[in-house]
């Protein structure tokens, strides 16, 4: 019986040690999980800030493009109006 008692005692100690290791591992994992969560939150905040800056810059670019487009179209419309007025004068005989 002495050998069986020693083996059972050793087995019980091994089980307790493994449980303690598992508990420590789970605590470490949850701490690491918190760190990963904070890293993800920081990364998402950085993405949001970058996206906002890019959106602002793109909006400025689009507004500038539209301003130039309007100016170009206005110039072309003036040219077309002048051409039409010249054609009307030519057809009506006022050009001479």
C-alpha atoms as a PDB file:
ATOM      1  CA  UNK A   1       0.000   0.000   0.000  1.00  0.00           C
ATOM      2  CA  UNK A   2       2.908   2.363   0.605  1.00  0.00           C
ATOM      3  CA  UNK A   3       3.827   2.474  -3.079  1.00  0.00           C
ATOM      4  CA  UNK A   4       0.211   3.064  -4.124  1.00  0.00           C
ATOM      5  CA  UNK A   5      -0.131   5.891  -1.592  1.00  0.00           C
ATOM      6  CA  UNK A   6       3.064   7.548  -2.863  1.00  0.00           C
ATOM      7  CA  UNK A   7       1.893   7.276  -6.472  1.00  0.00           C
ATOM      8  CA  UNK A   8      -1.541   8.698  -5.626  1.00  0.00           C
ATOM      9  CA  UNK A   9       0.051  11.569  -3.649  1.00  0.00           C
ATOM     10  CA  UNK A  10       2.409  12.369  -6.527  1.00  0.00           C
ATOM     11  CA  UNK A  11      -0.474  12.184  -8.998  1.00  0.00           C
ATOM     12  CA  UNK A  12      -2.578  14.530  -6.837  1.00  0.00           C
ATOM     13  CA  UNK A  13       0.329  17.005  -6.596  1.00  0.00           C
ATOM     14  CA  UNK A  14       0.807  16.869 -10.373  1.00  0.00           C
ATOM     15  CA  UNK A  15      -2.896  17.559 -10.913  1.00  0.00           C
ATOM     16  CA  UNK A  16      -2.793  20.514  -8.528  1.00  0.00           C
ATOM     17  CA  UNK A  17       0.333  21.891 -10.231  1.00  0.00           C
ATOM     18  CA  UNK A  18      -1.268  21.528 -13.671  1.00  0.00           C
ATOM     19  CA  UNK A  19      -4.410  23.295 -12.448  1.00  0.00           C
ATOM     20  CA  UNK A  20      -2.284  26.134 -11.048  1.00  0.00           C
ATOM     21  CA  UNK A  21      -0.397  26.352 -14.362  1.00  0.00           C
ATOM     22  CA  UNK A  22      -3.679  26.434 -16.271  1.00  0.00           C
ATOM     23  CA  UNK A  23      -5.026  29.166 -13.979  1.00  0.00           C
ATOM     24  CA  UNK A  24      -1.846  31.225 -14.450  1.00  0.00           C
ATOM     25  CA  UNK A  25      -2.029  30.700 -18.212  1.00  0.00           C
ATOM     26  CA  UNK A  26      -5.654  31.864 -18.332  1.00  0.00           C
ATOM     27  CA  UNK A  27      -4.813  34.956 -16.279  1.00  0.00           C
ATOM     28  CA  UNK A  28      -1.890  35.699 -18.585  1.00  0.00           C
ATOM     29  CA  UNK A  29      -4.091  35.133 -21.623  1.00  0.00           C
ATOM     30  CA  UNK A  30      -6.780  37.476 -20.345  1.00  0.00           C
ATOM     31  CA  UNK A  31      -4.147  40.147 -19.566  1.00  0.00           C
ATOM     32  CA  UNK A  32      -2.702  39.729 -23.036  1.00  0.00           C
ATOM     33  CA  UNK A  33      -6.219  39.887 -24.397  1.00  0.00           C
ATOM     34  CA  UNK A  34      -6.748  43.251 -22.714  1.00  0.00           C
ATOM     35  CA  UNK A  35      -3.525  44.511 -24.231  1.00  0.00           C
ATOM     36  CA  UNK A  36      -4.611  43.272 -27.654  1.00  0.00           C
ATOM     37  CA  UNK A  37      -8.000  44.914 -27.198  1.00  0.00           C
ATOM     38  CA  UNK A  38      -6.328  48.211 -26.335  1.00  0.00           C
ATOM     39  CA  UNK A  39      -4.036  47.843 -29.351  1.00  0.00           C
ATOM     40  CA  UNK A  40      -7.054  47.225 -31.584  1.00  0.00           C
ATOM     41  CA  UNK A  41      -8.913  50.205 -30.108  1.00  0.00           C
ATOM     42  CA  UNK A  42      -5.877  52.434 -30.665  1.00  0.00           C
ATOM     43  CA  UNK A  43      -5.496  51.134 -34.212  1.00  0.00           C
ATOM     44  CA  UNK A  44      -9.191  51.792 -34.942  1.00  0.00           C
ATOM     45  CA  UNK A  45      -8.898  55.308 -33.518  1.00  0.00           C
ATOM     46  CA  UNK A  46      -5.843  55.911 -35.687  1.00  0.00           C
ATOM     47  CA  UNK A  47      -7.714  54.623 -38.757  1.00  0.00           C
ATOM     48  CA  UNK A  48     -10.657  56.898 -37.967  1.00  0.00           C
ATOM     49  CA  UNK A  49      -8.389  59.931 -37.566  1.00  0.00           C
ATOM     50  CA  UNK A  50      -6.551  59.153 -40.780  1.00  0.00           C
ATOM     51  CA  UNK A  51      -9.828  58.632 -42.613  1.00  0.00           C
ATOM     52  CA  UNK A  52     -11.119  61.987 -41.374  1.00  0.00           C
ATOM     53  CA  UNK A  53      -7.955  63.774 -42.522  1.00  0.00           C
ATOM     54  CA  UNK A  54      -8.076  62.075 -45.919  1.00  0.00           C
ATOM     55  CA  UNK A  55     -11.776  62.912 -46.306  1.00  0.00           C
ATOM     56  CA  UNK A  56     -11.098  66.574 -45.502  1.00  0.00           C
ATOM     57  CA  UNK A  57      -8.235  66.708 -47.993  1.00  0.00           C
ATOM     58  CA  UNK A  58     -10.295  64.957 -50.676  1.00  0.00           C
ATOM     59  CA  UNK A  59     -13.207  67.322 -50.109  1.00  0.00           C
ATOM     60  CA  UNK A  60     -10.891  70.283 -50.642  1.00  0.00           C
ATOM     61  CA  UNK A  61      -9.588  68.662 -53.820  1.00  0.00           C
ATOM     62  CA  UNK A  62     -13.099  68.019 -55.117  1.00  0.00           C
ATOM     63  CA  UNK A  63     -14.180  71.591 -54.373  1.00  0.00           C
ATOM     64  CA  UNK A  64     -11.132  72.952 -56.190  1.00  0.00           C
ATOM     65  CA  UNK A  65     -11.810  70.683 -59.158  1.00  0.00           C
ATOM     66  CA  UNK A  66     -15.450  71.793 -59.326  1.00  0.00           C
ATOM     67  CA  UNK A  67     -14.424  75.455 -59.124  1.00  0.00           C
ATOM     68  CA  UNK A  68     -12.023  74.991 -62.047  1.00  0.00           C
ATOM     69  CA  UNK A  69     -14.635  72.988 -63.977  1.00  0.00           C
ATOM     70  CA  UNK A  70     -17.250  75.722 -63.519  1.00  0.00           C
ATOM     71  CA  UNK A  71     -14.787  78.376 -64.636  1.00  0.00           C
ATOM     72  CA  UNK A  72     -13.845  76.332 -67.721  1.00  0.00           C
ATOM     73  CA  UNK A  73     -17.486  75.666 -68.617  1.00  0.00           C
ATOM     74  CA  UNK A  74     -18.358  79.356 -68.173  1.00  0.00           C
ATOM     75  CA  UNK A  75     -15.514  80.280 -70.517  1.00  0.00           C
ATOM     76  CA  UNK A  76     -16.675  77.750 -73.087  1.00  0.00           C
ATOM     77  CA  UNK A  77     -20.269  78.998 -72.820  1.00  0.00           C
ATOM     78  CA  UNK A  78     -19.071  82.568 -73.410  1.00  0.00           C
ATOM     79  CA  UNK A  79     -17.222  81.361 -76.498  1.00  0.00           C
ATOM     80  CA  UNK A  80     -20.281  79.498 -77.810  1.00  0.00           C
ATOM     81  CA  UNK A  81     -22.483  82.548 -77.185  1.00  0.00           C
ATOM     82  CA  UNK A  82     -20.014  84.771 -79.030  1.00  0.00           C
ATOM     83  CA  UNK A  83     -19.903  82.280 -81.940  1.00  0.00           C
ATOM     84  CA  UNK A  84     -23.706  82.140 -82.098  1.00  0.00           C
ATOM     85  CA  UNK A  85     -23.977  85.922 -81.968  1.00  0.00           C
ATOM     86  CA  UNK A  86     -21.434  86.201 -84.791  1.00  0.00           C
ATOM     87  CA  UNK A  87     -23.348  83.622 -86.829  1.00  0.00           C
ATOM     88  CA  UNK A  88     -26.611  85.512 -86.281  1.00  0.00           C
ATOM     89  CA  UNK A  89     -25.008  88.758 -87.379  1.00  0.00           C
ATOM     90  CA  UNK A  90     -23.549  87.068 -90.449  1.00  0.00           C
ATOM     91  CA  UNK A  91     -26.904  85.561 -91.419  1.00  0.00           C
ATOM     92  CA  UNK A  92     -28.767  88.800 -90.855  1.00  0.00           C
ATOM     93  CA  UNK A  93     -26.264  90.775 -92.917  1.00  0.00           C
ATOM     94  CA  UNK A  94     -25.014  92.927 -89.994  1.00  0.00           C
ATOM     95  CA  UNK A  95     -21.473  91.586 -90.255  1.00  0.00           C
ATOM     96  CA  UNK A  96     -20.590  93.792 -93.186  1.00  0.00           C
END
